Structure formats: C-alpha cells, structure tokens
Amino acid sequence: MLYLDMEKLITDIKSFLIKHQTFISNNSQKISILFQISAYNDVVEYYKRRNFVIKPKNLINGEFRYKQTPTGHPHNFSYFSILKSYKKQNYEFYIYNNIAVESGISKGIFVCPDIVIANVDSICYLYDKEYYFNGLKKYAYIENKNLQSFCEVKHYTPFPELLISFIGLLQELTNDIYKNKRNNTQLKHLAPSLILSGEHTRPTRQMAQILEKRYRINIFDGLFVKRSKIKSIQYHHATVGTK
C-alpha cells in the first residue's frame, strides 16, 4: 500500500509538533517527503516513550523547519534534542534529518541517511575545492565516531535489492555489522533501521527476518498501515548501546 491521504499525513505532523509547542514552517507537497517527516517524528516519539526528555532545537521564527533534502546547511534547520539520566549522569543526543556522516571505514567518504542520531554539537566542516563548491562553501558532516544510530526512510514496497542496499549502507557507517553483539548498557538507542511505507511480500518478509537475525537492525514495513511500529513500546525493537 503506497497511498495515504496527504492531508491526514500533514495533520499528523502538525499534531506532533503542537505537542512539542512548535509548528511546521516548510510544508512539502511530496508524499515521499511527508512520509520521511512522519517517520522522523515517530523516531523522536520512540525516545519520548522510553523516558527521554524531548526538546525541539534551532527553531526558525518560532517554527520547526525540517531539513527535507541533503542540500542546505544544517544550522538553517531544526532538530530534536533527546536527554536521559543514567547512573547520575546526563546523556544528550541530537536527532537530525538528512545530514552527512563520514564513513566508518574510509576517510573522505560521506553518505547522508534520512535520520541520524548523533552526539551533541558534533557537526564538522570540510573546505575542499576538490570536493565541494571549489572550497568556497563549507561542507557540513558528522564524524563517524559521533554517530549513534541512523534510519533510512523509503516510500516503497520492499524488494530484495532495496534490503541489500541498506546492508551496504550499514556496513559503510558502522564497520562492525557482523559482530551483532548485545550491549548491556541501560541507555540504548534504536538500532539502525530501514523504514518502508509498503508491506512485505512473503519472499521479502522472509529475507527481512533473516537479515534482522544476522545484524542488529530493524526493518519496519507497512508504515502507512501500522503507524505505531516504530514508537510502540509493545513492538520488538533491536537496540544498540551508547558508544
């Protein structure tokens, strides 16, 4: 199922922001972008339901400006802070939309996940005439050591190549996907996740289940039908511990 009433999706996004005492400032008319925004909100809600303190940051004229594409400087857009205490120490992280992250394998390779959970104040800048606007503009990115987790959001029905391409992204960013170790730290993050609007066919469901057992990942399908999958406490989620 790849269709959802656009007005309802916009209403859901606005309702989420009102709960956090802010409003949407850039309203896309592309349903794929709206789905990505909705998934971002669900990830924020995931942390809220696990007793993180949630706060919108960098509001633009009092409104929440989503970063809808990889282009644009991240300081011109809003994001959420998540904060939790553990053993008398406060841990704070930021949840970004569409921000570049450096590879965990090779320096100088950057990819831009749709949703990134990272350490606070971890944006770096690259001035390189061989790489970005002849060095006249700074390229903003997050060093891999500051990455906690990430999500890819696709307005697609699952198919095998899509699932495998996510594993490639996982390998590039985490560089430890074969370990599949459980972290005993009480402070946990949502594990790297692929978020899909369409529902699995029988073959892709079987494939997703195998991949979820092989790696510490989540593959969420059918998000247009089962909206609570990401944020629900009852639904099983793979997690990773704080670095």
C-alpha atoms as a PDB file:
ATOM      1  CA  MET A   1       0.000   0.000   0.000  1.00  0.00           C
ATOM      2  CA  LEU A   2       1.705   3.195  -1.171  1.00  0.00           C
ATOM      3  CA  TYR A   3      -1.069   5.737  -0.876  1.00  0.00           C
ATOM      4  CA  LEU A   4      -2.065   7.691   2.174  1.00  0.00           C
ATOM      5  CA  ASP A   5      -4.264  10.766   2.288  1.00  0.00           C
ATOM      6  CA  MET A   6      -1.814  13.682   2.131  1.00  0.00           C
ATOM      7  CA  GLU A   7      -3.932  15.968   4.281  1.00  0.00           C
ATOM      8  CA  LYS A   8      -4.069  13.358   7.044  1.00  0.00           C
ATOM      9  CA  LEU A   9      -0.291  12.994   6.903  1.00  0.00           C
ATOM     10  CA  ILE A  10       0.134  16.768   7.207  1.00  0.00           C
ATOM     11  CA  THR A  11      -2.367  16.835  10.084  1.00  0.00           C
ATOM     12  CA  ASP A  12      -0.435  14.112  11.925  1.00  0.00           C
ATOM     13  CA  ILE A  13       2.821  16.040  11.523  1.00  0.00           C
ATOM     14  CA  LYS A  14       1.255  19.260  12.775  1.00  0.00           C
ATOM     15  CA  SER A  15      -0.308  17.465  15.745  1.00  0.00           C
ATOM     16  CA  PHE A  16       3.080  16.031  16.696  1.00  0.00           C
ATOM     17  CA  LEU A  17       4.704  19.473  16.633  1.00  0.00           C
ATOM     18  CA  ILE A  18       1.881  21.089  18.593  1.00  0.00           C
ATOM     19  CA  LYS A  19       2.543  18.564  21.382  1.00  0.00           C
ATOM     20  CA  HIS A  20       6.065  19.951  21.494  1.00  0.00           C
ATOM     21  CA  GLN A  21       4.882  23.574  21.396  1.00  0.00           C
ATOM     22  CA  THR A  22       6.059  24.395  17.919  1.00  0.00           C
ATOM     23  CA  PHE A  23       4.727  24.451  14.354  1.00  0.00           C
ATOM     24  CA  ILE A  24       5.824  23.367  10.881  1.00  0.00           C
ATOM     25  CA  SER A  25       7.402  26.090   8.738  1.00  0.00           C
ATOM     26  CA  ASN A  26       8.082  24.245   5.468  1.00  0.00           C
ATOM     27  CA  ASN A  27       5.204  22.170   4.133  1.00  0.00           C
ATOM     28  CA  SER A  28       6.214  19.843   1.300  1.00  0.00           C
ATOM     29  CA  GLN A  29       3.595  18.596  -1.129  1.00  0.00           C
ATOM     30  CA  LYS A  30       5.521  15.431  -1.995  1.00  0.00           C
ATOM     31  CA  ILE A  31       4.124  12.455  -0.150  1.00  0.00           C
ATOM     32  CA  SER A  32       7.567  10.778  -0.025  1.00  0.00           C
ATOM     33  CA  ILE A  33       8.950  13.808   1.850  1.00  0.00           C
ATOM     34  CA  LEU A  34       5.938  13.907   4.166  1.00  0.00           C
ATOM     35  CA  PHE A  35       6.406  10.212   4.884  1.00  0.00           C
ATOM     36  CA  GLN A  36      10.042  10.864   5.783  1.00  0.00           C
ATOM     37  CA  ILE A  37       8.979  13.679   8.143  1.00  0.00           C
ATOM     38  CA  SER A  38       6.381  11.414   9.721  1.00  0.00           C
ATOM     39  CA  ALA A  39       9.000   8.693  10.252  1.00  0.00           C
ATOM     40  CA  TYR A  40      11.347  11.247  11.819  1.00  0.00           C
ATOM     41  CA  ASN A  41       8.597  12.232  14.252  1.00  0.00           C
ATOM     42  CA  ASP A  42       7.979   8.572  15.098  1.00  0.00           C
ATOM     43  CA  VAL A  43      11.676   8.093  15.925  1.00  0.00           C
ATOM     44  CA  VAL A  44      11.515  11.102  18.249  1.00  0.00           C
ATOM     45  CA  GLU A  45       8.385   9.624  19.828  1.00  0.00           C
ATOM     46  CA  TYR A  46      10.235   6.307  20.268  1.00  0.00           C
ATOM     47  CA  TYR A  47      12.686   8.056  22.577  1.00  0.00           C
ATOM     48  CA  LYS A  48       9.983  10.012  24.383  1.00  0.00           C
ATOM     49  CA  ARG A  49       8.155   6.798  25.265  1.00  0.00           C
ATOM     50  CA  ARG A  50      11.404   5.449  26.700  1.00  0.00           C
ATOM     51  CA  ASN A  51      11.668   8.336  29.148  1.00  0.00           C
ATOM     52  CA  PHE A  52      13.984  10.616  27.239  1.00  0.00           C
ATOM     53  CA  VAL A  53      13.316  14.341  27.668  1.00  0.00           C
ATOM     54  CA  ILE A  54      12.477  15.729  24.226  1.00  0.00           C
ATOM     55  CA  LYS A  55      13.099  19.313  23.158  1.00  0.00           C
ATOM     56  CA  PRO A  56      12.941  20.993  19.721  1.00  0.00           C
ATOM     57  CA  LYS A  57      16.087  22.961  18.910  1.00  0.00           C
ATOM     58  CA  ASN A  58      17.056  25.724  16.494  1.00  0.00           C
ATOM     59  CA  LEU A  59      13.511  26.871  15.724  1.00  0.00           C
ATOM     60  CA  ILE A  60      13.247  29.337  12.862  1.00  0.00           C
ATOM     61  CA  ASN A  61      10.984  32.264  13.805  1.00  0.00           C
ATOM     62  CA  GLY A  62       9.403  30.027  16.426  1.00  0.00           C
ATOM     63  CA  GLU A  63       8.642  27.265  13.927  1.00  0.00           C
ATOM     64  CA  PHE A  64      10.190  23.847  13.312  1.00  0.00           C
ATOM     65  CA  ARG A  65      11.915  23.730   9.932  1.00  0.00           C
ATOM     66  CA  TYR A  66      12.509  20.176   8.679  1.00  0.00           C
ATOM     67  CA  LYS A  67      15.590  19.513   6.572  1.00  0.00           C
ATOM     68  CA  GLN A  68      13.891  17.683   3.736  1.00  0.00           C
ATOM     69  CA  THR A  69      16.874  17.018   1.441  1.00  0.00           C
ATOM     70  CA  PRO A  70      20.663  16.561   1.770  1.00  0.00           C
ATOM     71  CA  THR A  71      21.247  20.098   0.443  1.00  0.00           C
ATOM     72  CA  GLY A  72      21.327  23.132   2.707  1.00  0.00           C
ATOM     73  CA  HIS A  73      23.358  23.995   5.792  1.00  0.00           C
ATOM     74  CA  PRO A  74      22.114  22.096   8.887  1.00  0.00           C
ATOM     75  CA  HIS A  75      22.252  25.227  11.040  1.00  0.00           C
ATOM     76  CA  ASN A  76      19.411  26.633   8.917  1.00  0.00           C
ATOM     77  CA  PHE A  77      17.122  23.807  10.023  1.00  0.00           C
ATOM     78  CA  SER A  78      15.603  22.475  13.234  1.00  0.00           C
ATOM     79  CA  TYR A  79      16.192  19.201  15.051  1.00  0.00           C
ATOM     80  CA  PHE A  80      15.276  17.495  18.321  1.00  0.00           C
ATOM     81  CA  SER A  81      17.391  17.052  21.425  1.00  0.00           C
ATOM     82  CA  ILE A  82      16.894  13.891  23.487  1.00  0.00           C
ATOM     83  CA  LEU A  83      18.152  13.736  27.069  1.00  0.00           C
ATOM     84  CA  LYS A  84      18.219  10.953  29.644  1.00  0.00           C
ATOM     85  CA  SER A  85      19.904  10.400  33.002  1.00  0.00           C
ATOM     86  CA  TYR A  86      21.717   7.172  33.789  1.00  0.00           C
ATOM     87  CA  LYS A  87      23.712   6.475  36.946  1.00  0.00           C
ATOM     88  CA  LYS A  88      23.520  10.162  37.934  1.00  0.00           C
ATOM     89  CA  GLN A  89      24.916  11.294  34.603  1.00  0.00           C
ATOM     90  CA  ASN A  90      23.011  13.107  31.857  1.00  0.00           C
ATOM     91  CA  TYR A  91      23.316  11.889  28.270  1.00  0.00           C
ATOM     92  CA  GLU A  92      22.153  14.136  25.462  1.00  0.00           C
ATOM     93  CA  PHE A  93      21.944  13.451  21.734  1.00  0.00           C
ATOM     94  CA  TYR A  94      20.543  15.200  18.650  1.00  0.00           C
ATOM     95  CA  ILE A  95      18.213  13.682  16.039  1.00  0.00           C
ATOM     96  CA  TYR A  96      18.874  15.198  12.623  1.00  0.00           C
ATOM     97  CA  ASN A  97      17.218  14.975   9.211  1.00  0.00           C
ATOM     98  CA  ASN A  98      19.373  14.483   6.104  1.00  0.00           C
ATOM     99  CA  ILE A  99      22.836  15.225   7.435  1.00  0.00           C
ATOM    100  CA  ALA A 100      26.035  13.741   6.016  1.00  0.00           C
ATOM    101  CA  VAL A 101      28.011  11.196   8.039  1.00  0.00           C
ATOM    102  CA  GLU A 102      31.580  10.162   7.309  1.00  0.00           C
ATOM    103  CA  SER A 103      32.257   6.514   6.545  1.00  0.00           C
ATOM    104  CA  GLY A 104      33.345   4.248   9.366  1.00  0.00           C
ATOM    105  CA  ILE A 105      35.809   2.553   7.015  1.00  0.00           C
ATOM    106  CA  SER A 106      37.466   5.242   4.883  1.00  0.00           C
ATOM    107  CA  LYS A 107      38.034   8.934   5.446  1.00  0.00           C
ATOM    108  CA  GLY A 108      36.623  11.235   2.781  1.00  0.00           C
ATOM    109  CA  ILE A 109      33.528   9.136   2.004  1.00  0.00           C
ATOM    110  CA  PHE A 110      30.243  10.707   3.099  1.00  0.00           C
ATOM    111  CA  VAL A 111      26.684   9.418   2.969  1.00  0.00           C
ATOM    112  CA  CYS A 112      23.510  11.133   4.052  1.00  0.00           C
ATOM    113  CA  PRO A 113      20.993   8.961   5.956  1.00  0.00           C
ATOM    114  CA  ASP A 114      17.455  10.274   6.228  1.00  0.00           C
ATOM    115  CA  ILE A 115      17.562  10.265  10.054  1.00  0.00           C
ATOM    116  CA  VAL A 116      20.719  10.465  12.168  1.00  0.00           C
ATOM    117  CA  ILE A 117      21.087  10.120  15.950  1.00  0.00           C
ATOM    118  CA  ALA A 118      24.399  11.687  16.977  1.00  0.00           C
ATOM    119  CA  ASN A 119      26.291  13.162  19.885  1.00  0.00           C
ATOM    120  CA  VAL A 120      25.605  16.810  20.658  1.00  0.00           C
ATOM    121  CA  ASP A 121      27.492  19.548  18.828  1.00  0.00           C
ATOM    122  CA  SER A 122      29.242  17.035  16.578  1.00  0.00           C
ATOM    123  CA  ILE A 123      28.938  18.831  13.213  1.00  0.00           C
ATOM    124  CA  CYS A 124      32.298  19.324  11.473  1.00  0.00           C
ATOM    125  CA  TYR A 125      33.174  21.311   8.347  1.00  0.00           C
ATOM    126  CA  LEU A 126      35.138  20.456   5.253  1.00  0.00           C
ATOM    127  CA  TYR A 127      36.700  23.086   2.968  1.00  0.00           C
ATOM    128  CA  ASP A 128      37.944  21.239  -0.090  1.00  0.00           C
ATOM    129  CA  LYS A 129      37.986  22.659  -3.614  1.00  0.00           C
ATOM    130  CA  GLU A 130      38.201  19.135  -4.988  1.00  0.00           C
ATOM    131  CA  TYR A 131      35.096  18.082  -3.140  1.00  0.00           C
ATOM    132  CA  TYR A 132      32.566  20.844  -2.550  1.00  0.00           C
ATOM    133  CA  PHE A 133      31.935  24.085  -4.464  1.00  0.00           C
ATOM    134  CA  ASN A 134      35.657  24.601  -5.173  1.00  0.00           C
ATOM    135  CA  GLY A 135      36.222  25.115  -1.461  1.00  0.00           C
ATOM    136  CA  LEU A 136      34.153  28.319  -1.440  1.00  0.00           C
ATOM    137  CA  LYS A 137      31.468  26.786   0.761  1.00  0.00           C
ATOM    138  CA  LYS A 138      31.845  24.605   3.814  1.00  0.00           C
ATOM    139  CA  TYR A 139      30.520  21.060   3.709  1.00  0.00           C
ATOM    140  CA  ALA A 140      28.865  20.072   6.989  1.00  0.00           C
ATOM    141  CA  TYR A 141      29.096  16.497   8.224  1.00  0.00           C
ATOM    142  CA  ILE A 142      29.272  14.345  11.348  1.00  0.00           C
ATOM    143  CA  GLU A 143      32.416  12.398  12.142  1.00  0.00           C
ATOM    144  CA  ASN A 144      31.715   8.702  12.334  1.00  0.00           C
ATOM    145  CA  LYS A 145      32.857   8.472  15.969  1.00  0.00           C
ATOM    146  CA  ASN A 146      29.907  10.693  16.928  1.00  0.00           C
ATOM    147  CA  LEU A 147      27.287   8.574  15.175  1.00  0.00           C
ATOM    148  CA  GLN A 148      24.966   6.644  17.499  1.00  0.00           C
ATOM    149  CA  SER A 149      22.429   5.256  15.014  1.00  0.00           C
ATOM    150  CA  PHE A 150      20.584   6.093  11.807  1.00  0.00           C
ATOM    151  CA  CYS A 151      17.481   5.304   9.751  1.00  0.00           C
ATOM    152  CA  GLU A 152      16.719   5.168   6.057  1.00  0.00           C
ATOM    153  CA  VAL A 153      13.152   6.015   5.035  1.00  0.00           C
ATOM    154  CA  LYS A 154      11.769   4.815   1.689  1.00  0.00           C
ATOM    155  CA  HIS A 155       8.324   5.344   0.198  1.00  0.00           C
ATOM    156  CA  TYR A 156       8.488   1.941  -1.478  1.00  0.00           C
ATOM    157  CA  THR A 157       7.119  -1.556  -1.327  1.00  0.00           C
ATOM    158  CA  PRO A 158      10.027  -3.755  -0.118  1.00  0.00           C
ATOM    159  CA  PHE A 159      12.089  -5.597  -2.731  1.00  0.00           C
ATOM    160  CA  PRO A 160      15.292  -7.649  -2.306  1.00  0.00           C
ATOM    161  CA  GLU A 161      17.748  -5.147  -3.787  1.00  0.00           C
ATOM    162  CA  LEU A 162      16.437  -2.412  -1.503  1.00  0.00           C
ATOM    163  CA  LEU A 163      17.043  -4.533   1.593  1.00  0.00           C
ATOM    164  CA  ILE A 164      20.561  -5.424   0.465  1.00  0.00           C
ATOM    165  CA  SER A 165      21.416  -1.800  -0.353  1.00  0.00           C
ATOM    166  CA  PHE A 166      20.556  -0.915   3.248  1.00  0.00           C
ATOM    167  CA  ILE A 167      23.058  -3.536   4.437  1.00  0.00           C
ATOM    168  CA  GLY A 168      25.701  -1.830   2.291  1.00  0.00           C
ATOM    169  CA  LEU A 169      24.953   1.494   3.976  1.00  0.00           C
ATOM    170  CA  LEU A 170      25.058  -0.221   7.358  1.00  0.00           C
ATOM    171  CA  GLN A 171      28.489  -1.679   6.613  1.00  0.00           C
ATOM    172  CA  GLU A 172      29.884   1.651   5.426  1.00  0.00           C
ATOM    173  CA  LEU A 173      28.716   3.531   8.500  1.00  0.00           C
ATOM    174  CA  THR A 174      29.152   1.029  11.323  1.00  0.00           C
ATOM    175  CA  ASN A 175      32.047  -1.202  10.189  1.00  0.00           C
ATOM    176  CA  ASP A 176      31.055  -3.822  12.767  1.00  0.00           C
ATOM    177  CA  ILE A 177      27.841  -5.287  11.398  1.00  0.00           C
ATOM    178  CA  TYR A 178      28.973  -8.903  11.627  1.00  0.00           C
ATOM    179  CA  LYS A 179      29.523  -8.772  15.386  1.00  0.00           C
ATOM    180  CA  ASN A 180      25.816  -8.449  16.229  1.00  0.00           C
ATOM    181  CA  LYS A 181      26.679  -8.014  19.903  1.00  0.00           C
ATOM    182  CA  ARG A 182      24.120  -7.044  22.508  1.00  0.00           C
ATOM    183  CA  ASN A 183      25.165  -4.060  24.557  1.00  0.00           C
ATOM    184  CA  ASN A 184      24.403  -4.342  28.272  1.00  0.00           C
ATOM    185  CA  THR A 185      24.306  -0.591  28.786  1.00  0.00           C
ATOM    186  CA  GLN A 186      20.919   0.514  30.103  1.00  0.00           C
ATOM    187  CA  LEU A 187      20.973   3.593  27.871  1.00  0.00           C
ATOM    188  CA  LYS A 188      20.064   2.236  24.456  1.00  0.00           C
ATOM    189  CA  HIS A 189      19.383   3.661  21.015  1.00  0.00           C
ATOM    190  CA  LEU A 190      17.108   2.367  18.319  1.00  0.00           C
ATOM    191  CA  ALA A 191      19.345   0.168  16.158  1.00  0.00           C
ATOM    192  CA  PRO A 192      19.962   1.199  12.514  1.00  0.00           C
ATOM    193  CA  SER A 193      16.589   0.868  10.814  1.00  0.00           C
ATOM    194  CA  LEU A 194      15.081   0.699   7.351  1.00  0.00           C
ATOM    195  CA  ILE A 195      11.604   2.269   7.371  1.00  0.00           C
ATOM    196  CA  LEU A 196       9.274   1.373   4.480  1.00  0.00           C
ATOM    197  CA  SER A 197       5.804   2.606   3.619  1.00  0.00           C
ATOM    198  CA  GLY A 198       4.766  -0.547   1.730  1.00  0.00           C
ATOM    199  CA  GLU A 199       4.172  -4.006   3.129  1.00  0.00           C
ATOM    200  CA  HIS A 200       6.345  -7.065   2.595  1.00  0.00           C
ATOM    201  CA  THR A 201       5.581  -9.796   0.141  1.00  0.00           C
ATOM    202  CA  ARG A 202       6.193 -13.292   1.504  1.00  0.00           C
ATOM    203  CA  PRO A 203       9.739 -13.538   0.000  1.00  0.00           C
ATOM    204  CA  THR A 204      10.850 -10.104   1.264  1.00  0.00           C
ATOM    205  CA  ARG A 205       9.405 -10.780   4.727  1.00  0.00           C
ATOM    206  CA  GLN A 206      11.454 -13.961   4.962  1.00  0.00           C
ATOM    207  CA  MET A 207      14.524 -12.094   3.727  1.00  0.00           C
ATOM    208  CA  ALA A 208      13.996  -9.278   6.244  1.00  0.00           C
ATOM    209  CA  GLN A 209      13.685 -11.756   9.113  1.00  0.00           C
ATOM    210  CA  ILE A 210      16.975 -13.398   8.128  1.00  0.00           C
ATOM    211  CA  LEU A 211      18.752 -10.036   7.915  1.00  0.00           C
ATOM    212  CA  GLU A 212      17.367  -8.929  11.288  1.00  0.00           C
ATOM    213  CA  LYS A 213      18.783 -12.097  12.851  1.00  0.00           C
ATOM    214  CA  ARG A 214      22.136 -11.663  11.130  1.00  0.00           C
ATOM    215  CA  TYR A 215      22.614  -7.999  12.065  1.00  0.00           C
ATOM    216  CA  ARG A 216      21.375  -5.715  14.855  1.00  0.00           C
ATOM    217  CA  ILE A 217      18.907  -3.834  12.666  1.00  0.00           C
ATOM    218  CA  ASN A 218      15.194  -3.157  12.318  1.00  0.00           C
ATOM    219  CA  ILE A 219      13.281  -3.391   9.056  1.00  0.00           C
ATOM    220  CA  PHE A 220       9.894  -1.728   9.504  1.00  0.00           C
ATOM    221  CA  ASP A 221       7.404  -2.334   6.691  1.00  0.00           C
ATOM    222  CA  GLY A 222       3.814  -1.214   6.134  1.00  0.00           C
ATOM    223  CA  LEU A 223       4.171   2.086   7.981  1.00  0.00           C
ATOM    224  CA  PHE A 224       1.188   3.556   6.143  1.00  0.00           C
ATOM    225  CA  VAL A 225      -0.983   0.845   7.688  1.00  0.00           C
ATOM    226  CA  LYS A 226       0.751   0.175  11.021  1.00  0.00           C
ATOM    227  CA  ARG A 227       1.820   3.643  12.086  1.00  0.00           C
ATOM    228  CA  SER A 228       2.806   2.633  15.622  1.00  0.00           C
ATOM    229  CA  LYS A 229       5.530   0.124  14.696  1.00  0.00           C
ATOM    230  CA  ILE A 230       8.470   2.434  15.394  1.00  0.00           C
ATOM    231  CA  LYS A 231       7.248   4.183  18.519  1.00  0.00           C
ATOM    232  CA  SER A 232       5.258   1.391  20.153  1.00  0.00           C
ATOM    233  CA  ILE A 233       6.731   0.010  23.373  1.00  0.00           C
ATOM    234  CA  GLN A 234       4.978  -3.311  22.746  1.00  0.00           C
ATOM    235  CA  TYR A 235       6.668  -3.837  19.377  1.00  0.00           C
ATOM    236  CA  HIS A 236      10.097  -5.520  19.482  1.00  0.00           C
ATOM    237  CA  HIS A 237      12.990  -3.263  18.530  1.00  0.00           C
ATOM    238  CA  ALA A 238      16.635  -4.112  18.077  1.00  0.00           C
ATOM    239  CA  THR A 239      18.768  -1.648  20.056  1.00  0.00           C
ATOM    240  CA  VAL A 240      22.389  -0.596  20.300  1.00  0.00           C
ATOM    241  CA  GLY A 241      24.178   0.775  23.346  1.00  0.00           C
ATOM    242  CA  THR A 242      25.755   4.186  23.656  1.00  0.00           C
ATOM    243  CA  LYS A 243      29.296   4.336  22.313  1.00  0.00           C
END
